[in-house]
C-alpha atoms as a PDB file:
ATOM      1  CA  MET A   1      27.229 -12.569  -9.235  1.00  0.00           C
ATOM      2  CA  LEU A   2      24.205 -10.914  -9.631  1.00  0.00           C
ATOM      3  CA  GLU A   3      22.832 -10.414 -13.380  1.00  0.00           C
ATOM      4  CA  LYS A   4      22.825  -6.935 -14.754  1.00  0.00           C
ATOM      5  CA  ARG A   5      18.906  -6.619 -14.407  1.00  0.00           C
ATOM      6  CA  SER A   6      19.143  -7.752 -10.776  1.00  0.00           C
ATOM      7  CA  LEU A   7      22.022  -5.015 -10.273  1.00  0.00           C
ATOM      8  CA  MET A   8      19.802  -2.439 -11.810  1.00  0.00           C
ATOM      9  CA  LEU A   9      17.278  -2.960  -9.084  1.00  0.00           C
ATOM     10  CA  VAL A  10      19.547  -3.099  -6.277  1.00  0.00           C
ATOM     11  CA  VAL A  11      21.221   0.250  -7.666  1.00  0.00           C
ATOM     12  CA  SER A  12      17.813   1.792  -7.756  1.00  0.00           C
ATOM     13  CA  LEU A  13      17.074   0.891  -4.110  1.00  0.00           C
ATOM     14  CA  VAL A  14      20.800   2.362  -2.921  1.00  0.00           C
ATOM     15  CA  VAL A  15      20.379   5.365  -4.882  1.00  0.00           C
ATOM     16  CA  LEU A  16      17.026   6.087  -3.586  1.00  0.00           C
ATOM     17  CA  SER A  17      17.961   5.172   0.117  1.00  0.00           C
ATOM     18  CA  ALA A  18      21.237   7.053  -0.106  1.00  0.00           C
ATOM     19  CA  ALA A  19      19.040  10.505  -1.338  1.00  0.00           C
ATOM     20  CA  LEU A  20      16.985   9.851   1.576  1.00  0.00           C
ATOM     21  CA  LEU A  21      19.755   9.326   3.976  1.00  0.00           C
ATOM     22  CA  LEU A  22      21.470  12.404   2.888  1.00  0.00           C
ATOM     23  CA  ALA A  23      18.370  14.413   3.083  1.00  0.00           C
ATOM     24  CA  SER A  24      17.314  16.362   6.374  1.00  0.00           C
ATOM     25  CA  PRO A  25      14.905  14.201   8.839  1.00  0.00           C
ATOM     26  CA  ILE A  26      11.521  14.675   7.621  1.00  0.00           C
ATOM     27  CA  PRO A  27       9.258  15.033  10.495  1.00  0.00           C
ATOM     28  CA  GLN A  28       5.441  14.289  10.503  1.00  0.00           C
ATOM     29  CA  ASP A  29       3.594  17.882   9.398  1.00  0.00           C
ATOM     30  CA  PRO A  30       1.038  18.858  12.205  1.00  0.00           C
ATOM     31  CA  ALA A  31      -1.256  20.173   9.520  1.00  0.00           C
ATOM     32  CA  TYR A  32      -1.739  16.478   8.178  1.00  0.00           C
ATOM     33  CA  HIS A  33      -3.941  15.727  11.021  1.00  0.00           C
ATOM     34  CA  ILE A  34      -6.383  18.795   9.813  1.00  0.00           C
ATOM     35  CA  PHE A  35      -9.139  17.445   7.583  1.00  0.00           C
ATOM     36  CA  ALA A  36     -11.852  19.342   5.881  1.00  0.00           C
ATOM     37  CA  ASP A  37     -15.010  17.138   7.215  1.00  0.00           C
ATOM     38  CA  THR A  38     -15.252  17.337  10.868  1.00  0.00           C
ATOM     39  CA  ARG A  39     -18.570  16.538  11.140  1.00  0.00           C
ATOM     40  CA  SER A  40     -20.030  13.911  13.660  1.00  0.00           C
ATOM     41  CA  CYS A  41     -22.664  11.398  13.232  1.00  0.00           C
ATOM     42  CA  LEU A  42     -24.214   8.643  15.522  1.00  0.00           C
ATOM     43  CA  GLY A  43     -21.867   9.958  17.902  1.00  0.00           C
ATOM     44  CA  VAL A  44     -18.745   9.218  15.773  1.00  0.00           C
ATOM     45  CA  ALA A  45     -16.627  12.198  15.417  1.00  0.00           C
ATOM     46  CA  ASN A  46     -15.276  12.945  11.837  1.00  0.00           C
ATOM     47  CA  PHE A  47     -17.962  10.605  10.759  1.00  0.00           C
ATOM     48  CA  GLY A  48     -17.353  10.754   6.949  1.00  0.00           C
ATOM     49  CA  ASP A  49     -13.731   9.879   7.159  1.00  0.00           C
ATOM     50  CA  VAL A  50     -14.334   7.198   9.591  1.00  0.00           C
ATOM     51  CA  ILE A  51     -17.001   5.285   7.806  1.00  0.00           C
ATOM     52  CA  SER A  52     -15.400   5.642   4.306  1.00  0.00           C
ATOM     53  CA  ASN A  53     -12.846   3.044   5.628  1.00  0.00           C
ATOM     54  CA  GLY A  54     -15.454   0.396   5.440  1.00  0.00           C
ATOM     55  CA  GLY A  55     -14.474   0.210   1.609  1.00  0.00           C
ATOM     56  CA  PHE A  56     -11.050  -1.248   2.854  1.00  0.00           C
ATOM     57  CA  LEU A  57     -12.735  -3.938   4.866  1.00  0.00           C
ATOM     58  CA  LEU A  58     -14.997  -5.067   2.178  1.00  0.00           C
ATOM     59  CA  VAL A  59     -12.484  -5.197  -0.400  1.00  0.00           C
ATOM     60  CA  GLY A  60     -10.133  -7.172   1.758  1.00  0.00           C
ATOM     61  CA  LEU A  61     -12.750  -9.783   2.538  1.00  0.00           C
ATOM     62  CA  ILE A  62     -13.510 -10.057  -1.100  1.00  0.00           C
ATOM     63  CA  GLY A  63     -10.030 -10.572  -2.000  1.00  0.00           C
ATOM     64  CA  LEU A  64      -9.699 -13.352   0.719  1.00  0.00           C
ATOM     65  CA  VAL A  65     -12.792 -15.094  -0.482  1.00  0.00           C
ATOM     66  CA  LYS A  66     -11.530 -14.717  -4.074  1.00  0.00           C
ATOM     67  CA  LEU A  67      -8.245 -15.925  -3.066  1.00  0.00           C
ATOM     68  CA  LYS A  68      -9.729 -19.368  -1.377  1.00  0.00           C
ATOM     69  CA  ALA A  69     -11.737 -19.803  -4.565  1.00  0.00           C
ATOM     70  CA  LEU A  70      -8.538 -19.496  -6.776  1.00  0.00           C
ATOM     71  CA  TRP A  71      -6.626 -21.596  -4.108  1.00  0.00           C
ATOM     72  CA  GLN A  72      -8.953 -24.299  -4.725  1.00  0.00           C
ATOM     73  CA  GLY A  73      -9.201 -23.830  -8.285  1.00  0.00           C
ATOM     74  CA  GLY A  74      -5.443 -24.457  -8.625  1.00  0.00           C
ATOM     75  CA  ARG A  75      -4.344 -21.009  -9.634  1.00  0.00           C
ATOM     76  CA  PHE A  76      -1.562 -21.016  -7.415  1.00  0.00           C
ATOM     77  CA  ASP A  77       1.418 -23.616  -7.658  1.00  0.00           C
ATOM     78  CA  ASN A  78       1.809 -23.822  -3.775  1.00  0.00           C
ATOM     79  CA  PHE A  79       0.906 -21.699  -0.679  1.00  0.00           C
ATOM     80  CA  TRP A  80       4.105 -19.812  -0.852  1.00  0.00           C
ATOM     81  CA  GLN A  81       3.240 -18.484  -4.049  1.00  0.00           C
ATOM     82  CA  MET A  82      -0.164 -17.252  -2.688  1.00  0.00           C
ATOM     83  CA  SER A  83       1.076 -16.207   0.810  1.00  0.00           C
ATOM     84  CA  PRO A  84       1.910 -12.617  -0.266  1.00  0.00           C
ATOM     85  CA  PHE A  85      -1.128 -12.202  -1.577  1.00  0.00           C
ATOM     86  CA  LEU A  86      -2.927 -13.680   1.453  1.00  0.00           C
ATOM     87  CA  LEU A  87      -0.938 -11.256   3.842  1.00  0.00           C
ATOM     88  CA  PHE A  88      -1.875  -8.418   1.599  1.00  0.00           C
ATOM     89  CA  PHE A  89      -5.923  -9.038   1.658  1.00  0.00           C
ATOM     90  CA  ILE A  90      -5.534  -9.589   5.717  1.00  0.00           C
ATOM     91  CA  ALA A  91      -3.814  -6.347   5.923  1.00  0.00           C
ATOM     92  CA  VAL A  92      -6.004  -4.405   3.736  1.00  0.00           C
ATOM     93  CA  ALA A  93      -9.160  -5.698   6.073  1.00  0.00           C
ATOM     94  CA  PHE A  94      -7.230  -4.148   9.112  1.00  0.00           C
ATOM     95  CA  VAL A  95      -6.716  -0.796   7.486  1.00  0.00           C
ATOM     96  CA  ALA A  96     -10.323  -0.316   8.149  1.00  0.00           C
ATOM     97  CA  PRO A  97     -10.387  -0.546  12.040  1.00  0.00           C
ATOM     98  CA  GLY A  98      -6.911   1.253  11.894  1.00  0.00           C
ATOM     99  CA  SER A  99      -7.730   4.105  10.091  1.00  0.00           C
ATOM    100  CA  ALA A 100     -11.159   4.408  11.335  1.00  0.00           C
ATOM    101  CA  TYR A 101      -9.362   4.461  14.921  1.00  0.00           C
ATOM    102  CA  TYR A 102      -6.845   7.273  13.546  1.00  0.00           C
ATOM    103  CA  HIS A 103      -9.620   9.412  12.058  1.00  0.00           C
ATOM    104  CA  GLU A 104     -11.742   9.409  15.053  1.00  0.00           C
ATOM    105  CA  VAL A 105      -9.181  11.311  17.063  1.00  0.00           C
ATOM    106  CA  PRO A 106      -6.342  12.354  14.418  1.00  0.00           C
ATOM    107  CA  ASP A 107      -2.973  12.472  16.105  1.00  0.00           C
ATOM    108  CA  ASN A 108       0.366  11.042  15.721  1.00  0.00           C
ATOM    109  CA  ASP A 109      -0.121   8.215  18.167  1.00  0.00           C
ATOM    110  CA  ARG A 110      -3.309   7.094  16.410  1.00  0.00           C
ATOM    111  CA  LEU A 111      -1.387   7.796  12.901  1.00  0.00           C
ATOM    112  CA  PHE A 112       0.863   4.884  13.743  1.00  0.00           C
ATOM    113  CA  TRP A 113      -2.053   2.512  13.781  1.00  0.00           C
ATOM    114  CA  ASP A 114      -3.408   3.533  10.476  1.00  0.00           C
ATOM    115  CA  ARG A 115      -0.019   3.193   9.028  1.00  0.00           C
ATOM    116  CA  LEU A 116       0.852  -0.203  10.285  1.00  0.00           C
ATOM    117  CA  PRO A 117      -1.513  -2.424   8.196  1.00  0.00           C
ATOM    118  CA  MET A 118      -0.937  -0.047   5.291  1.00  0.00           C
ATOM    119  CA  THR A 119       2.577  -0.624   5.438  1.00  0.00           C
ATOM    120  CA  ILE A 120       2.398  -4.276   5.837  1.00  0.00           C
ATOM    121  CA  ALA A 121       0.046  -4.580   2.752  1.00  0.00           C
ATOM    122  CA  PHE A 122       2.797  -2.167   0.660  1.00  0.00           C
ATOM    123  CA  MET A 123       5.401  -4.609   1.506  1.00  0.00           C
ATOM    124  CA  SER A 124       3.452  -8.009   0.990  1.00  0.00           C
ATOM    125  CA  LEU A 125       1.931  -6.857  -2.401  1.00  0.00           C
ATOM    126  CA  PHE A 126       5.651  -5.532  -3.429  1.00  0.00           C
ATOM    127  CA  ALA A 127       6.752  -9.281  -2.382  1.00  0.00           C
ATOM    128  CA  GLY A 128       4.094 -10.803  -4.427  1.00  0.00           C
ATOM    129  CA  ILE A 129       4.950  -9.096  -7.437  1.00  0.00           C
ATOM    130  CA  LEU A 130       8.659  -9.474  -6.938  1.00  0.00           C
ATOM    131  CA  ALA A 131       7.935 -13.296  -6.236  1.00  0.00           C
ATOM    132  CA  ASP A 132       6.195 -13.386  -9.673  1.00  0.00           C
ATOM    133  CA  ARG A 133       8.549 -11.739 -11.901  1.00  0.00           C
ATOM    134  CA  VAL A 134      11.605 -11.542 -10.364  1.00  0.00           C
ATOM    135  CA  HIS A 135      12.646 -14.702  -8.001  1.00  0.00           C
ATOM    136  CA  VAL A 136      10.310 -17.106  -5.627  1.00  0.00           C
ATOM    137  CA  LEU A 137      12.570 -16.222  -2.806  1.00  0.00           C
ATOM    138  CA  PHE A 138      10.270 -13.285  -2.396  1.00  0.00           C
ATOM    139  CA  SER A 139       7.173 -15.484  -1.254  1.00  0.00           C
ATOM    140  CA  GLY A 140       9.390 -16.768   1.264  1.00  0.00           C
ATOM    141  CA  LYS A 141      11.723 -15.501   3.762  1.00  0.00           C
ATOM    142  CA  ALA A 142      12.432 -12.294   2.032  1.00  0.00           C
ATOM    143  CA  LEU A 143       8.657 -11.516   1.939  1.00  0.00           C
ATOM    144  CA  TRP A 144       8.925 -11.462   6.060  1.00  0.00           C
ATOM    145  CA  VAL A 145      12.083  -9.431   5.861  1.00  0.00           C
ATOM    146  CA  MET A 146      10.314  -6.866   3.887  1.00  0.00           C
ATOM    147  CA  VAL A 147       7.396  -6.915   6.145  1.00  0.00           C
ATOM    148  CA  LEU A 148       9.613  -6.544   9.010  1.00  0.00           C
ATOM    149  CA  PHE A 149      11.472  -3.654   7.372  1.00  0.00           C
ATOM    150  CA  GLY A 150       8.256  -2.099   6.859  1.00  0.00           C
ATOM    151  CA  VAL A 151       7.067  -2.243  10.459  1.00  0.00           C
ATOM    152  CA  VAL A 152      10.803  -0.997  11.711  1.00  0.00           C
ATOM    153  CA  SER A 153      10.391   2.017   9.577  1.00  0.00           C
ATOM    154  CA  LEU A 154       7.150   2.958  11.659  1.00  0.00           C
ATOM    155  CA  LEU A 155       8.702   1.948  14.689  1.00  0.00           C
ATOM    156  CA  TYR A 156      11.996   4.131  13.966  1.00  0.00           C
ATOM    157  CA  TRP A 157       9.287   7.339  13.030  1.00  0.00           C
ATOM    158  CA  ARG A 158       7.086   6.818  15.924  1.00  0.00           C
ATOM    159  CA  GLN A 159      10.285   6.812  18.716  1.00  0.00           C
ATOM    160  CA  THR A 160      11.830   9.838  16.822  1.00  0.00           C
ATOM    161  CA  GLU A 161       8.475  11.751  17.117  1.00  0.00           C
ATOM    162  CA  ILE A 162       8.611  10.776  21.037  1.00  0.00           C
ATOM    163  CA  GLN A 163      11.948  12.249  21.126  1.00  0.00           C
ATOM    164  CA  GLY A 164      10.900  15.411  19.365  1.00  0.00           C
ATOM    165  CA  VAL A 165      13.053  14.681  16.170  1.00  0.00           C
ATOM    166  CA  GLY A 166      10.409  13.108  13.884  1.00  0.00           C
ATOM    167  CA  ASP A 167      11.884  11.263  11.164  1.00  0.00           C
ATOM    168  CA  LEU A 168       9.758   9.588   8.371  1.00  0.00           C
ATOM    169  CA  ARG A 169      12.511   8.910   5.823  1.00  0.00           C
ATOM    170  CA  PRO A 170      12.419   5.290   5.958  1.00  0.00           C
ATOM    171  CA  TYR A 171       8.620   5.158   5.807  1.00  0.00           C
ATOM    172  CA  VAL A 172       8.830   7.106   2.784  1.00  0.00           C
ATOM    173  CA  LEU A 173      11.331   4.612   1.047  1.00  0.00           C
ATOM    174  CA  VAL A 174       8.778   1.947   2.333  1.00  0.00           C
ATOM    175  CA  GLN A 175       5.770   3.733   0.703  1.00  0.00           C
ATOM    176  CA  PHE A 176       7.369   5.275  -2.513  1.00  0.00           C
ATOM    177  CA  TYR A 177      10.153   2.912  -3.444  1.00  0.00           C
ATOM    178  CA  PRO A 178       8.028   0.349  -4.743  1.00  0.00           C
ATOM    179  CA  LEU A 179       5.712   2.849  -6.910  1.00  0.00           C
ATOM    180  CA  VAL A 180       9.108   4.189  -8.382  1.00  0.00           C
ATOM    181  CA  VAL A 181      10.712   0.921  -9.409  1.00  0.00           C
ATOM    182  CA  LEU A 182       7.579  -1.057 -10.464  1.00  0.00           C
ATOM    183  CA  PRO A 183       7.622   0.192 -13.920  1.00  0.00           C
ATOM    184  CA  LEU A 184      11.528  -0.874 -14.071  1.00  0.00           C
ATOM    185  CA  ILE A 185      10.598  -4.233 -12.715  1.00  0.00           C
ATOM    186  CA  CYS A 186       7.760  -4.800 -15.364  1.00  0.00           C
ATOM    187  CA  TRP A 187      10.320  -3.746 -18.027  1.00  0.00           C
ATOM    188  CA  LEU A 188      13.310  -5.794 -16.854  1.00  0.00           C
ATOM    189  CA  TYR A 189      11.109  -8.808 -15.973  1.00  0.00           C
ATOM    190  CA  PRO A 190       8.364  -9.328 -18.748  1.00  0.00           C
ATOM    191  CA  ARG A 191       7.362 -12.819 -17.776  1.00  0.00           C
ATOM    192  CA  PHE A 192       4.627 -13.354 -15.024  1.00  0.00           C
ATOM    193  CA  ASN A 193       2.148 -15.600 -14.264  1.00  0.00           C
ATOM    194  CA  LEU A 194      -0.116 -13.630 -11.814  1.00  0.00           C
ATOM    195  CA  THR A 195       0.872  -9.967 -12.281  1.00  0.00           C
ATOM    196  CA  PRO A 196      -0.291  -8.594 -15.916  1.00  0.00           C
ATOM    197  CA  VAL A 197       0.801  -5.121 -16.485  1.00  0.00           C
ATOM    198  CA  ARG A 198      -2.672  -3.735 -17.399  1.00  0.00           C
ATOM    199  CA  TYR A 199      -3.801  -4.255 -13.839  1.00  0.00           C
ATOM    200  CA  LEU A 200      -0.796  -2.743 -12.328  1.00  0.00           C
ATOM    201  CA  ILE A 201      -1.259   0.268 -14.352  1.00  0.00           C
ATOM    202  CA  TRP A 202      -5.015   0.527 -13.259  1.00  0.00           C
ATOM    203  CA  MET A 203      -3.493   0.093  -9.701  1.00  0.00           C
ATOM    204  CA  TYR A 204      -1.485   3.338 -10.342  1.00  0.00           C
ATOM    205  CA  VAL A 205      -4.220   5.173 -11.851  1.00  0.00           C
ATOM    206  CA  TRP A 206      -6.602   4.490  -8.934  1.00  0.00           C
ATOM    207  CA  TYR A 207      -3.797   5.130  -6.294  1.00  0.00           C
ATOM    208  CA  THR A 208      -2.562   8.207  -7.897  1.00  0.00           C
ATOM    209  CA  THR A 209      -6.154   9.343  -8.034  1.00  0.00           C
ATOM    210  CA  ALA A 210      -6.476   8.856  -4.270  1.00  0.00           C
ATOM    211  CA  LYS A 211      -3.465  10.920  -3.393  1.00  0.00           C
ATOM    212  CA  GLY A 212      -4.772  13.657  -5.441  1.00  0.00           C
ATOM    213  CA  LEU A 213      -8.222  13.491  -3.530  1.00  0.00           C
ATOM    214  CA  GLU A 214      -6.065  13.322  -0.227  1.00  0.00           C
ATOM    215  CA  PHE A 215      -4.151  16.641  -1.308  1.00  0.00           C
ATOM    216  CA  PHE A 216      -7.298  18.479  -2.368  1.00  0.00           C
ATOM    217  CA  ASP A 217      -9.336  17.323   0.398  1.00  0.00           C
ATOM    218  CA  ALA A 218     -11.013  20.860   1.424  1.00  0.00           C
ATOM    219  CA  GLU A 219     -11.453  21.471  -2.278  1.00  0.00           C
ATOM    220  CA  VAL A 220     -13.426  18.563  -3.231  1.00  0.00           C
ATOM    221  CA  TYR A 221     -15.320  18.958   0.094  1.00  0.00           C
ATOM    222  CA  GLN A 222     -16.313  22.460  -1.287  1.00  0.00           C
ATOM    223  CA  PHE A 223     -17.039  21.146  -4.893  1.00  0.00           C
ATOM    224  CA  PHE A 224     -19.551  18.863  -3.445  1.00  0.00           C
ATOM    225  CA  GLU A 225     -20.879  21.535  -1.224  1.00  0.00           C
ATOM    226  CA  THR A 226     -19.828  19.680   2.217  1.00  0.00           C
ATOM    227  CA  ALA A 227     -21.474  16.413   1.161  1.00  0.00           C
ATOM    228  CA  LEU A 228     -18.136  14.383   0.842  1.00  0.00           C
ATOM    229  CA  SER A 229     -14.843  15.357   1.264  1.00  0.00           C
ATOM    230  CA  GLY A 230     -11.587  14.622  -0.704  1.00  0.00           C
ATOM    231  CA  HIS A 231     -10.301  12.308   2.200  1.00  0.00           C
ATOM    232  CA  SER A 232     -13.446  10.283   2.309  1.00  0.00           C
ATOM    233  CA  LEU A 233     -13.364   9.810  -1.648  1.00  0.00           C
ATOM    234  CA  LYS A 234      -9.693   9.006  -1.149  1.00  0.00           C
ATOM    235  CA  HIS A 235     -10.388   5.912   0.963  1.00  0.00           C
ATOM    236  CA  LEU A 236     -12.963   4.670  -1.563  1.00  0.00           C
ATOM    237  CA  VAL A 237     -10.865   5.111  -4.374  1.00  0.00           C
ATOM    238  CA  ALA A 238      -7.793   3.329  -2.785  1.00  0.00           C
ATOM    239  CA  ALA A 239     -10.276   0.525  -2.214  1.00  0.00           C
ATOM    240  CA  LEU A 240     -10.526   0.516  -5.865  1.00  0.00           C
ATOM    241  CA  ALA A 241      -7.005   0.160  -6.464  1.00  0.00           C
ATOM    242  CA  VAL A 242      -6.999  -2.640  -4.047  1.00  0.00           C
ATOM    243  CA  TYR A 243      -9.819  -4.115  -6.243  1.00  0.00           C
ATOM    244  CA  MET A 244      -7.625  -4.390  -9.120  1.00  0.00           C
ATOM    245  CA  VAL A 245      -5.355  -6.999  -7.398  1.00  0.00           C
ATOM    246  CA  VAL A 246      -8.317  -9.108  -7.104  1.00  0.00           C
ATOM    247  CA  LYS A 247      -8.929  -8.524 -10.751  1.00  0.00           C
ATOM    248  CA  MET A 248      -5.411  -9.050 -11.535  1.00  0.00           C
ATOM    249  CA  LEU A 249      -5.051 -12.332  -9.777  1.00  0.00           C
ATOM    250  CA  SER A 250      -8.445 -13.799 -11.290  1.00  0.00           C
ATOM    251  CA  ASP A 251      -7.021 -13.326 -14.684  1.00  0.00           C
ATOM    252  CA  LYS A 252      -5.484 -16.431 -15.930  1.00  0.00           C
ATOM    253  CA  THR A 253      -3.556 -14.727 -18.880  1.00  0.00           C
ATOM    254  CA  VAL A 254       0.117 -15.975 -18.705  1.00  0.00           C
ATOM    255  CA  LEU A 255       2.699 -14.080 -21.097  1.00  0.00           C
ATOM    256  CA  VAL A 256       5.784 -16.293 -21.864  1.00  0.00           C
ATOM    257  CA  LEU A 257       8.607 -14.488 -23.400  1.00  0.00           C
ATOM    258  CA  LYS A 258      11.880 -15.772 -24.523  1.00  0.00           C
ATOM    259  CA  LEU A 259      14.662 -13.886 -22.587  1.00  0.00           C
END
């Protein structure tokens, strides 16, 4: 039988899933592919939005190097405890070419390759937090189940778009459920070894800021007098959110509470 706090997490997932299931299918808005900065440079179309993805490659590599040092320093009890974060940083590094490929010629076909590494990153990081706070199961088989679900959500969206009835609902669940439930997880499961709340808060701050810059792409572009667009800045700020994971894993603070 599930304990009460685990049941609360299950109920939250069921409620949000049911709400999305009852909602109408969500097609990809064609306007999503329209960005403020369309200038070319060095033969690269949409240069600003393409080159700004370098931040993901940089922070992904920094994360992998730091992870190796932490592993050698005994930060992790075993490889499986580290594995969600290893997959996370690998996926983040691959966000760079995936997103650059999409932004060069934005359309639904290329958007799939933009979202694929991001989805793997979302799911693996969420699994790492769950493994640290809820149950070690999430650093093993459950990690791969979550990643598989994320990939399937994208394949489902892609197939429905091909059929002319695009539906982003499963992908919306993958992207936003972890953000919605994370405060609940931290409240219900306050014990941690790797995931101090303060860094999770900073992740929220930078990620929310990135989404705001994405939404106000054109306004930011005009504010900076066409020097830099909101979407280009979004990539750099989102990379800062990832860097908070590097800082989080490097913090050896361990909070032990009697539950």
